[in-house]
Amino acid sequence: MRNVLADLALESEAATTLTLRLAGAADRAVRGDAGEAAFRRIATAVGKYWVTKRGPAFTAEALECLGGNGYVEDSGMPRHYREAPLLSIWEGSGNVNALDVLRALGRDPATAQALFDELTLTRGADARLDAAVAGLKDQLAAGSQVTARRLVERTALTLQASLLVRHAPGAVADAFCATRLGGDWGHAFGTLPAGRGWTRFWSGLCLGGSEAGAGLPPEAEGFRCVRGLPPSGRERLPLRARAPTEWADGRQTCVGSSATGPPHRCDLRSCRVRA
């Protein structure tokens, strides 16, 4: 069960981080940022396709975790389970979103450039991510309607991995890159490989409070819970030695391993990688 909860938490973290990044792009695009507008154009369709496709399987696994209590109507889970498939209908069917990505790439080359500008922010931070970005370039060049879903799925996973490398604790980014990009994963939730401390780390995160720090791997030392932490003023947050450096605005805080305290979370709008 710890493995299942850890895998579900990892999936949720990736989807949430991608959604917040898209929200920030939408804000900046409205204010006239052409690069963010181009990124929003392609990444919105990519995110809608992948997150809505993962929703039904995610909801079914969450219901199963609750057993009979999750099956009865009083729990509210049956309603979530029934409505989960609606996500990929109401928000645009899978094929519509996949074709929309191809349409964006064909009509506006700036969208592909904006996507890879985003992905190159983490160049050198993780070998599996670098390989995925290189492979994605070849797939985009050869994209067709037949391979549209495969292309959009790979784009979504690569983008999520890039965001987690930049904004999540090291154990989280490592787990995602190893499983979603590196293939060290099964075909159902709860198949994270053993021996790397991920399940204990994520189980602690799911529990929250004082138990959240129990049994954490070395790279997560000092981490408790990323939610609800107050801003800590304007400070530089080194995101592990191998990753880029982020700045946090005084009114917001960023996910990252701060030299002066535990990680923080924000809506990513003020996150900018500095040279």
C-alpha atoms as a PDB file:
ATOM      1  CA  MET A   1       0.000   0.000   0.000  1.00  0.00           C
ATOM      2  CA  ARG A   2       2.883   2.372   0.669  1.00  0.00           C
ATOM      3  CA  ASN A   3       4.064   1.814  -2.873  1.00  0.00           C
ATOM      4  CA  VAL A   4       0.587   2.514  -4.268  1.00  0.00           C
ATOM      5  CA  LEU A   5       0.225   5.714  -2.260  1.00  0.00           C
ATOM      6  CA  ALA A   6       3.711   6.834  -3.248  1.00  0.00           C
ATOM      7  CA  ASP A   7       2.969   6.255  -6.936  1.00  0.00           C
ATOM      8  CA  LEU A   8      -0.365   8.079  -6.732  1.00  0.00           C
ATOM      9  CA  ALA A   9       1.295  10.999  -4.935  1.00  0.00           C
ATOM     10  CA  LEU A  10       3.988  11.146  -7.615  1.00  0.00           C
ATOM     11  CA  GLU A  11       1.363  11.232 -10.376  1.00  0.00           C
ATOM     12  CA  SER A  12      -0.579  13.940  -8.575  1.00  0.00           C
ATOM     13  CA  GLU A  13       2.525  16.050  -7.997  1.00  0.00           C
ATOM     14  CA  ALA A  14       3.443  15.928 -11.678  1.00  0.00           C
ATOM     15  CA  ALA A  15      -0.075  16.855 -12.807  1.00  0.00           C
ATOM     16  CA  THR A  16      -0.342  19.684 -10.281  1.00  0.00           C
ATOM     17  CA  THR A  17       3.036  21.167 -11.181  1.00  0.00           C
ATOM     18  CA  LEU A  18       2.193  21.098 -14.887  1.00  0.00           C
ATOM     19  CA  THR A  19      -1.185  22.742 -14.260  1.00  0.00           C
ATOM     20  CA  LEU A  20       0.354  25.531 -12.192  1.00  0.00           C
ATOM     21  CA  ARG A  21       2.975  26.150 -14.869  1.00  0.00           C
ATOM     22  CA  LEU A  22       0.210  26.474 -17.473  1.00  0.00           C
ATOM     23  CA  ALA A  23      -1.697  28.865 -15.215  1.00  0.00           C
ATOM     24  CA  GLY A  24       1.388  31.046 -14.979  1.00  0.00           C
ATOM     25  CA  ALA A  25       1.839  30.945 -18.752  1.00  0.00           C
ATOM     26  CA  ALA A  26      -1.764  32.027 -19.223  1.00  0.00           C
ATOM     27  CA  ASP A  27      -1.262  35.007 -16.903  1.00  0.00           C
ATOM     28  CA  ARG A  28       1.906  36.126 -18.637  1.00  0.00           C
ATOM     29  CA  ALA A  29       0.448  35.597 -22.112  1.00  0.00           C
ATOM     30  CA  VAL A  30      -2.430  37.923 -21.254  1.00  0.00           C
ATOM     31  CA  ARG A  31       0.122  40.549 -20.212  1.00  0.00           C
ATOM     32  CA  GLY A  32       1.756  40.378 -23.644  1.00  0.00           C
ATOM     33  CA  ASP A  33       4.543  37.806 -23.281  1.00  0.00           C
ATOM     34  CA  ALA A  34       4.795  36.280 -26.781  1.00  0.00           C
ATOM     35  CA  GLY A  35       7.011  33.403 -25.678  1.00  0.00           C
ATOM     36  CA  GLU A  36       4.597  32.397 -22.933  1.00  0.00           C
ATOM     37  CA  ALA A  37       1.678  32.686 -25.357  1.00  0.00           C
ATOM     38  CA  ALA A  38       3.403  30.255 -27.727  1.00  0.00           C
ATOM     39  CA  PHE A  39       4.179  27.883 -24.857  1.00  0.00           C
ATOM     40  CA  ARG A  40       0.581  28.077 -23.629  1.00  0.00           C
ATOM     41  CA  ARG A  41      -0.715  27.283 -27.114  1.00  0.00           C
ATOM     42  CA  ILE A  42       0.978  23.893 -27.293  1.00  0.00           C
ATOM     43  CA  ALA A  43       1.370  22.957 -23.619  1.00  0.00           C
ATOM     44  CA  THR A  44      -2.321  23.448 -22.815  1.00  0.00           C
ATOM     45  CA  ALA A  45      -3.355  20.830 -25.361  1.00  0.00           C
ATOM     46  CA  VAL A  46      -0.572  18.522 -24.184  1.00  0.00           C
ATOM     47  CA  GLY A  47      -1.573  18.896 -20.538  1.00  0.00           C
ATOM     48  CA  LYS A  48      -5.283  18.458 -21.200  1.00  0.00           C
ATOM     49  CA  TYR A  49      -4.670  15.276 -23.146  1.00  0.00           C
ATOM     50  CA  TRP A  50      -2.429  13.596 -20.594  1.00  0.00           C
ATOM     51  CA  VAL A  51      -3.967  14.675 -17.286  1.00  0.00           C
ATOM     52  CA  THR A  52      -7.508  13.802 -18.388  1.00  0.00           C
ATOM     53  CA  LYS A  53      -6.325  10.447 -19.728  1.00  0.00           C
ATOM     54  CA  ARG A  54      -4.657   9.599 -16.431  1.00  0.00           C
ATOM     55  CA  GLY A  55      -7.692  10.669 -14.399  1.00  0.00           C
ATOM     56  CA  PRO A  56      -9.854   7.514 -14.664  1.00  0.00           C
ATOM     57  CA  ALA A  57      -7.032   5.105 -13.780  1.00  0.00           C
ATOM     58  CA  PHE A  58      -5.902   7.368 -10.948  1.00  0.00           C
ATOM     59  CA  THR A  59      -9.439   7.644  -9.525  1.00  0.00           C
ATOM     60  CA  ALA A  60     -10.037   3.900  -9.765  1.00  0.00           C
ATOM     61  CA  GLU A  61      -6.818   3.189  -7.845  1.00  0.00           C
ATOM     62  CA  ALA A  62      -7.702   5.758  -5.191  1.00  0.00           C
ATOM     63  CA  LEU A  63     -11.138   4.174  -4.766  1.00  0.00           C
ATOM     64  CA  GLU A  64      -9.569   0.739  -4.432  1.00  0.00           C
ATOM     65  CA  CYS A  65      -7.285   2.024  -1.678  1.00  0.00           C
ATOM     66  CA  LEU A  66     -10.402   2.752   0.384  1.00  0.00           C
ATOM     67  CA  GLY A  67     -11.915  -0.675  -0.238  1.00  0.00           C
ATOM     68  CA  GLY A  68     -15.613  -1.064   0.486  1.00  0.00           C
ATOM     69  CA  ASN A  69     -15.736   2.342   2.157  1.00  0.00           C
ATOM     70  CA  GLY A  70     -14.719   3.901  -1.138  1.00  0.00           C
ATOM     71  CA  TYR A  71     -17.304   1.922  -3.110  1.00  0.00           C
ATOM     72  CA  VAL A  72     -20.372   3.118  -1.199  1.00  0.00           C
ATOM     73  CA  GLU A  73     -22.018   6.345  -2.354  1.00  0.00           C
ATOM     74  CA  ASP A  74     -21.605   8.035   1.035  1.00  0.00           C
ATOM     75  CA  SER A  75     -17.859   8.281   0.499  1.00  0.00           C
ATOM     76  CA  GLY A  76     -18.212  10.465  -2.599  1.00  0.00           C
ATOM     77  CA  MET A  77     -15.682   8.329  -4.477  1.00  0.00           C
ATOM     78  CA  PRO A  78     -18.227   6.617  -6.765  1.00  0.00           C
ATOM     79  CA  ARG A  79     -19.221  10.018  -8.123  1.00  0.00           C
ATOM     80  CA  HIS A  80     -15.564  10.880  -8.799  1.00  0.00           C
ATOM     81  CA  TYR A  81     -15.141   7.497 -10.485  1.00  0.00           C
ATOM     82  CA  ARG A  82     -18.188   7.989 -12.714  1.00  0.00           C
ATOM     83  CA  GLU A  83     -17.189  11.506 -13.681  1.00  0.00           C
ATOM     84  CA  ALA A  84     -13.479  10.875 -14.277  1.00  0.00           C
ATOM     85  CA  PRO A  85     -13.986   9.716 -17.898  1.00  0.00           C
ATOM     86  CA  LEU A  86     -15.940  12.912 -18.529  1.00  0.00           C
ATOM     87  CA  LEU A  87     -12.689  14.873 -18.244  1.00  0.00           C
ATOM     88  CA  SER A  88     -11.474  13.697 -21.637  1.00  0.00           C
ATOM     89  CA  ILE A  89     -14.869  14.509 -23.172  1.00  0.00           C
ATOM     90  CA  TRP A  90     -15.748  17.822 -21.589  1.00  0.00           C
ATOM     91  CA  GLU A  91     -12.192  19.168 -21.914  1.00  0.00           C
ATOM     92  CA  GLY A  92     -11.895  17.868 -25.470  1.00  0.00           C
ATOM     93  CA  SER A  93     -11.574  14.219 -26.441  1.00  0.00           C
ATOM     94  CA  GLY A  94      -8.140  12.602 -26.563  1.00  0.00           C
ATOM     95  CA  ASN A  95      -8.003  12.670 -30.340  1.00  0.00           C
ATOM     96  CA  VAL A  96      -9.099  16.303 -30.504  1.00  0.00           C
ATOM     97  CA  ASN A  97      -6.336  17.400 -28.107  1.00  0.00           C
ATOM     98  CA  ALA A  98      -3.719  15.262 -29.851  1.00  0.00           C
ATOM     99  CA  LEU A  99      -4.647  16.708 -33.236  1.00  0.00           C
ATOM    100  CA  ASP A 100      -4.641  20.186 -31.719  1.00  0.00           C
ATOM    101  CA  VAL A 101      -0.975  19.702 -30.816  1.00  0.00           C
ATOM    102  CA  LEU A 102      -0.190  18.784 -34.427  1.00  0.00           C
ATOM    103  CA  ARG A 103      -2.190  21.782 -35.603  1.00  0.00           C
ATOM    104  CA  ALA A 104      -0.238  24.126 -33.325  1.00  0.00           C
ATOM    105  CA  LEU A 105       3.080  22.734 -34.533  1.00  0.00           C
ATOM    106  CA  GLY A 106       2.067  23.011 -38.168  1.00  0.00           C
ATOM    107  CA  ARG A 107       0.616  26.519 -38.061  1.00  0.00           C
ATOM    108  CA  ASP A 108       3.034  28.225 -35.700  1.00  0.00           C
ATOM    109  CA  PRO A 109       6.667  27.040 -35.512  1.00  0.00           C
ATOM    110  CA  ALA A 110       7.130  29.320 -32.490  1.00  0.00           C
ATOM    111  CA  THR A 111       5.208  26.805 -30.381  1.00  0.00           C
ATOM    112  CA  ALA A 112       7.854  24.112 -30.836  1.00  0.00           C
ATOM    113  CA  GLN A 113      10.592  26.633 -30.072  1.00  0.00           C
ATOM    114  CA  ALA A 114       8.780  27.742 -26.900  1.00  0.00           C
ATOM    115  CA  LEU A 115       8.413  24.126 -25.791  1.00  0.00           C
ATOM    116  CA  PHE A 116      12.089  23.346 -26.213  1.00  0.00           C
ATOM    117  CA  ASP A 117      13.093  26.652 -24.628  1.00  0.00           C
ATOM    118  CA  GLU A 118      11.251  25.383 -21.556  1.00  0.00           C
ATOM    119  CA  LEU A 119      12.793  21.927 -21.682  1.00  0.00           C
ATOM    120  CA  THR A 120      16.363  23.173 -22.130  1.00  0.00           C
ATOM    121  CA  LEU A 121      16.188  24.967 -18.776  1.00  0.00           C
ATOM    122  CA  THR A 122      17.070  21.619 -17.175  1.00  0.00           C
ATOM    123  CA  ARG A 123      19.753  20.537 -19.639  1.00  0.00           C
ATOM    124  CA  GLY A 124      22.384  18.495 -17.836  1.00  0.00           C
ATOM    125  CA  ALA A 125      20.331  18.012 -14.680  1.00  0.00           C
ATOM    126  CA  ASP A 126      19.278  14.428 -15.427  1.00  0.00           C
ATOM    127  CA  ALA A 127      20.602  12.122 -18.158  1.00  0.00           C
ATOM    128  CA  ARG A 128      17.236  10.409 -18.613  1.00  0.00           C
ATOM    129  CA  LEU A 129      15.547  13.742 -19.132  1.00  0.00           C
ATOM    130  CA  ASP A 130      18.208  14.866 -21.607  1.00  0.00           C
ATOM    131  CA  ALA A 131      17.692  11.659 -23.604  1.00  0.00           C
ATOM    132  CA  ALA A 132      13.923  12.169 -23.587  1.00  0.00           C
ATOM    133  CA  VAL A 133      14.268  15.742 -24.876  1.00  0.00           C
ATOM    134  CA  ALA A 134      16.586  14.603 -27.674  1.00  0.00           C
ATOM    135  CA  GLY A 135      14.187  11.843 -28.662  1.00  0.00           C
ATOM    136  CA  LEU A 136      11.238  14.217 -28.560  1.00  0.00           C
ATOM    137  CA  LYS A 137      12.837  16.444 -31.178  1.00  0.00           C
ATOM    138  CA  ASP A 138      12.959  13.525 -33.599  1.00  0.00           C
ATOM    139  CA  GLN A 139       9.369  12.541 -32.814  1.00  0.00           C
ATOM    140  CA  LEU A 140       8.081  16.062 -33.377  1.00  0.00           C
ATOM    141  CA  ALA A 141       9.752  16.212 -36.769  1.00  0.00           C
ATOM    142  CA  ALA A 142       8.115  12.943 -37.807  1.00  0.00           C
ATOM    143  CA  GLY A 143       4.745  13.573 -36.149  1.00  0.00           C
ATOM    144  CA  SER A 144       1.578  12.399 -37.923  1.00  0.00           C
ATOM    145  CA  GLN A 145      -2.044  11.684 -37.079  1.00  0.00           C
ATOM    146  CA  VAL A 146      -1.231   8.004 -36.689  1.00  0.00           C
ATOM    147  CA  THR A 147       1.395   8.702 -34.017  1.00  0.00           C
ATOM    148  CA  ALA A 148      -0.254  11.800 -32.503  1.00  0.00           C
ATOM    149  CA  ARG A 149      -1.228  10.227 -29.188  1.00  0.00           C
ATOM    150  CA  ARG A 150       2.199   8.675 -28.729  1.00  0.00           C
ATOM    151  CA  LEU A 151       3.845  12.012 -29.465  1.00  0.00           C
ATOM    152  CA  VAL A 152       1.644  13.990 -27.065  1.00  0.00           C
ATOM    153  CA  GLU A 153       2.077  11.435 -24.286  1.00  0.00           C
ATOM    154  CA  ARG A 154       5.853  11.621 -24.578  1.00  0.00           C
ATOM    155  CA  THR A 155       5.739  15.394 -24.676  1.00  0.00           C
ATOM    156  CA  ALA A 156       3.636  15.518 -21.516  1.00  0.00           C
ATOM    157  CA  LEU A 157       5.916  13.177 -19.579  1.00  0.00           C
ATOM    158  CA  THR A 158       9.037  15.027 -20.673  1.00  0.00           C
ATOM    159  CA  LEU A 159       7.550  18.390 -19.716  1.00  0.00           C
ATOM    160  CA  GLN A 160       6.389  17.094 -16.337  1.00  0.00           C
ATOM    161  CA  ALA A 161       9.833  15.631 -15.665  1.00  0.00           C
ATOM    162  CA  SER A 162      11.484  18.932 -16.558  1.00  0.00           C
ATOM    163  CA  LEU A 163       9.231  20.856 -14.192  1.00  0.00           C
ATOM    164  CA  LEU A 164       9.786  18.403 -11.338  1.00  0.00           C
ATOM    165  CA  VAL A 165      13.563  18.548 -11.788  1.00  0.00           C
ATOM    166  CA  ARG A 166      13.324  22.331 -11.458  1.00  0.00           C
ATOM    167  CA  HIS A 167      10.749  22.630  -8.708  1.00  0.00           C
ATOM    168  CA  ALA A 168      10.472  19.392  -6.703  1.00  0.00           C
ATOM    169  CA  PRO A 169      12.722  17.731  -4.103  1.00  0.00           C
ATOM    170  CA  GLY A 170      15.417  15.516  -5.577  1.00  0.00           C
ATOM    171  CA  ALA A 171      13.770  12.235  -4.580  1.00  0.00           C
ATOM    172  CA  VAL A 172      10.572  13.232  -6.366  1.00  0.00           C
ATOM    173  CA  ALA A 173      12.279  14.230  -9.611  1.00  0.00           C
ATOM    174  CA  ASP A 174      14.469  11.122  -9.514  1.00  0.00           C
ATOM    175  CA  ALA A 175      11.465   8.844  -9.020  1.00  0.00           C
ATOM    176  CA  PHE A 176       9.564  10.430 -11.878  1.00  0.00           C
ATOM    177  CA  CYS A 177      12.469  10.348 -14.331  1.00  0.00           C
ATOM    178  CA  ALA A 178      13.338   6.746 -13.451  1.00  0.00           C
ATOM    179  CA  THR A 179       9.783   5.452 -13.810  1.00  0.00           C
ATOM    180  CA  ARG A 180       8.071   7.621 -16.423  1.00  0.00           C
ATOM    181  CA  LEU A 181      11.113   8.266 -18.607  1.00  0.00           C
ATOM    182  CA  GLY A 182      13.535   5.477 -17.707  1.00  0.00           C
ATOM    183  CA  GLY A 183      10.998   2.647 -17.868  1.00  0.00           C
ATOM    184  CA  ASP A 184      11.717   1.268 -14.373  1.00  0.00           C
ATOM    185  CA  TRP A 185       8.003   0.886 -13.703  1.00  0.00           C
ATOM    186  CA  GLY A 186       5.126  -1.559 -14.200  1.00  0.00           C
ATOM    187  CA  HIS A 187       1.771  -1.125 -15.913  1.00  0.00           C
ATOM    188  CA  ALA A 188      -0.252  -0.170 -12.829  1.00  0.00           C
ATOM    189  CA  PHE A 189       0.103   2.203  -9.895  1.00  0.00           C
ATOM    190  CA  GLY A 190       2.101   0.769  -7.010  1.00  0.00           C
ATOM    191  CA  THR A 191       4.946  -0.618  -9.118  1.00  0.00           C
ATOM    192  CA  LEU A 192       7.734   1.741  -8.096  1.00  0.00           C
ATOM    193  CA  PRO A 193      11.018  -0.180  -7.793  1.00  0.00           C
ATOM    194  CA  ALA A 194      12.296  -1.002  -4.332  1.00  0.00           C
ATOM    195  CA  GLY A 195      15.529   0.026  -2.702  1.00  0.00           C
ATOM    196  CA  ARG A 196      15.744   3.764  -3.442  1.00  0.00           C
ATOM    197  CA  GLY A 197      13.789   5.228  -0.529  1.00  0.00           C
ATOM    198  CA  TRP A 198      11.036   6.684  -2.718  1.00  0.00           C
ATOM    199  CA  THR A 199       8.126   4.835  -1.153  1.00  0.00           C
ATOM    200  CA  ARG A 200       9.111   5.775   2.402  1.00  0.00           C
ATOM    201  CA  PHE A 201       9.637   9.371   1.349  1.00  0.00           C
ATOM    202  CA  TRP A 202       6.298   9.666  -0.419  1.00  0.00           C
ATOM    203  CA  SER A 203       4.389   7.747   2.235  1.00  0.00           C
ATOM    204  CA  GLY A 204       5.673  10.271   4.752  1.00  0.00           C
ATOM    205  CA  LEU A 205       4.567  13.109   2.487  1.00  0.00           C
ATOM    206  CA  CYS A 206       1.091  11.587   2.176  1.00  0.00           C
ATOM    207  CA  LEU A 207       0.805  11.262   5.947  1.00  0.00           C
ATOM    208  CA  GLY A 208       1.882  14.865   6.556  1.00  0.00           C
ATOM    209  CA  GLY A 209       2.574  16.421   9.955  1.00  0.00           C
ATOM    210  CA  SER A 210       5.251  15.024  12.217  1.00  0.00           C
ATOM    211  CA  GLU A 211       5.281  11.651  10.466  1.00  0.00           C
ATOM    212  CA  ALA A 212       6.154  13.196   7.130  1.00  0.00           C
ATOM    213  CA  GLY A 213       9.844  13.326   7.917  1.00  0.00           C
ATOM    214  CA  ALA A 214      10.188   9.738   9.089  1.00  0.00           C
ATOM    215  CA  GLY A 215      12.566   7.596   7.094  1.00  0.00           C
ATOM    216  CA  LEU A 216      13.384  10.092   4.393  1.00  0.00           C
ATOM    217  CA  PRO A 217      16.227   9.436   1.964  1.00  0.00           C
ATOM    218  CA  PRO A 218      19.392  11.566   2.395  1.00  0.00           C
ATOM    219  CA  GLU A 219      18.499  13.974  -0.415  1.00  0.00           C
ATOM    220  CA  ALA A 220      15.211  14.832   1.313  1.00  0.00           C
ATOM    221  CA  GLU A 221      16.711  15.513   4.756  1.00  0.00           C
ATOM    222  CA  GLY A 222      14.988  18.438   6.445  1.00  0.00           C
ATOM    223  CA  PHE A 223      11.922  18.119   4.198  1.00  0.00           C
ATOM    224  CA  ARG A 224       8.583  17.862   5.936  1.00  0.00           C
ATOM    225  CA  CYS A 225       5.628  19.135   3.933  1.00  0.00           C
ATOM    226  CA  VAL A 226       5.655  21.497   0.957  1.00  0.00           C
ATOM    227  CA  ARG A 227       2.162  22.763   1.572  1.00  0.00           C
ATOM    228  CA  GLY A 228       1.218  25.818   3.595  1.00  0.00           C
ATOM    229  CA  LEU A 229       4.670  27.186   4.306  1.00  0.00           C
ATOM    230  CA  PRO A 230       4.901  30.976   4.571  1.00  0.00           C
ATOM    231  CA  PRO A 231       7.061  33.088   2.247  1.00  0.00           C
ATOM    232  CA  SER A 232      10.586  33.580   3.462  1.00  0.00           C
ATOM    233  CA  GLY A 233      11.422  36.847   1.740  1.00  0.00           C
ATOM    234  CA  ARG A 234      13.579  37.137  -1.343  1.00  0.00           C
ATOM    235  CA  GLU A 235      16.218  34.417  -1.217  1.00  0.00           C
ATOM    236  CA  ARG A 236      18.160  32.241  -3.580  1.00  0.00           C
ATOM    237  CA  LEU A 237      17.065  28.618  -3.559  1.00  0.00           C
ATOM    238  CA  PRO A 238      19.646  26.143  -4.930  1.00  0.00           C
ATOM    239  CA  LEU A 239      17.674  23.164  -6.296  1.00  0.00           C
ATOM    240  CA  ARG A 240      20.353  20.519  -5.618  1.00  0.00           C
ATOM    241  CA  ALA A 241      23.887  20.860  -6.939  1.00  0.00           C
ATOM    242  CA  ARG A 242      23.007  19.394 -10.345  1.00  0.00           C
ATOM    243  CA  ALA A 243      20.007  21.623 -11.078  1.00  0.00           C
ATOM    244  CA  PRO A 244      19.480  25.268 -12.067  1.00  0.00           C
ATOM    245  CA  THR A 245      18.976  27.977  -9.463  1.00  0.00           C
ATOM    246  CA  GLU A 246      15.626  29.582  -8.780  1.00  0.00           C
ATOM    247  CA  TRP A 247      14.678  32.910  -7.278  1.00  0.00           C
ATOM    248  CA  ALA A 248      11.636  33.361  -5.034  1.00  0.00           C
ATOM    249  CA  ASP A 249       9.683  36.586  -4.992  1.00  0.00           C
ATOM    250  CA  GLY A 250       9.068  38.080  -1.564  1.00  0.00           C
ATOM    251  CA  ARG A 251       5.330  37.569  -1.937  1.00  0.00           C
ATOM    252  CA  GLN A 252       5.574  33.965  -3.099  1.00  0.00           C
ATOM    253  CA  THR A 253       7.782  30.948  -2.480  1.00  0.00           C
ATOM    254  CA  CYS A 254       9.169  28.263  -4.748  1.00  0.00           C
ATOM    255  CA  VAL A 255       9.544  24.522  -4.429  1.00  0.00           C
ATOM    256  CA  GLY A 256      13.213  23.791  -3.833  1.00  0.00           C
ATOM    257  CA  SER A 257      15.736  22.802  -1.217  1.00  0.00           C
ATOM    258  CA  SER A 258      16.613  26.059   0.461  1.00  0.00           C
ATOM    259  CA  ALA A 259      19.940  26.393   2.185  1.00  0.00           C
ATOM    260  CA  THR A 260      18.140  28.035   5.110  1.00  0.00           C
ATOM    261  CA  GLY A 261      15.089  25.828   5.475  1.00  0.00           C
ATOM    262  CA  PRO A 262      12.739  23.245   3.993  1.00  0.00           C
ATOM    263  CA  PRO A 263      11.251  23.452   0.485  1.00  0.00           C
ATOM    264  CA  HIS A 264       8.449  25.846  -0.349  1.00  0.00           C
ATOM    265  CA  ARG A 265       5.703  25.809  -2.944  1.00  0.00           C
ATOM    266  CA  CYS A 266       4.207  28.589  -5.044  1.00  0.00           C
ATOM    267  CA  ASP A 267       2.226  28.917  -8.235  1.00  0.00           C
ATOM    268  CA  LEU A 268       5.544  29.092 -10.149  1.00  0.00           C
ATOM    269  CA  ARG A 269       4.657  32.448 -11.692  1.00  0.00           C
ATOM    270  CA  SER A 270       7.760  34.109 -10.270  1.00  0.00           C
ATOM    271  CA  CYS A 271      10.101  31.186 -10.986  1.00  0.00           C
ATOM    272  CA  ARG A 272      12.823  32.116 -13.432  1.00  0.00           C
ATOM    273  CA  VAL A 273      16.042  30.205 -13.965  1.00  0.00           C
ATOM    274  CA  ARG A 274      19.011  32.565 -13.699  1.00  0.00           C
ATOM    275  CA  ALA A 275      22.262  32.171 -15.559  1.00  0.00           C
END
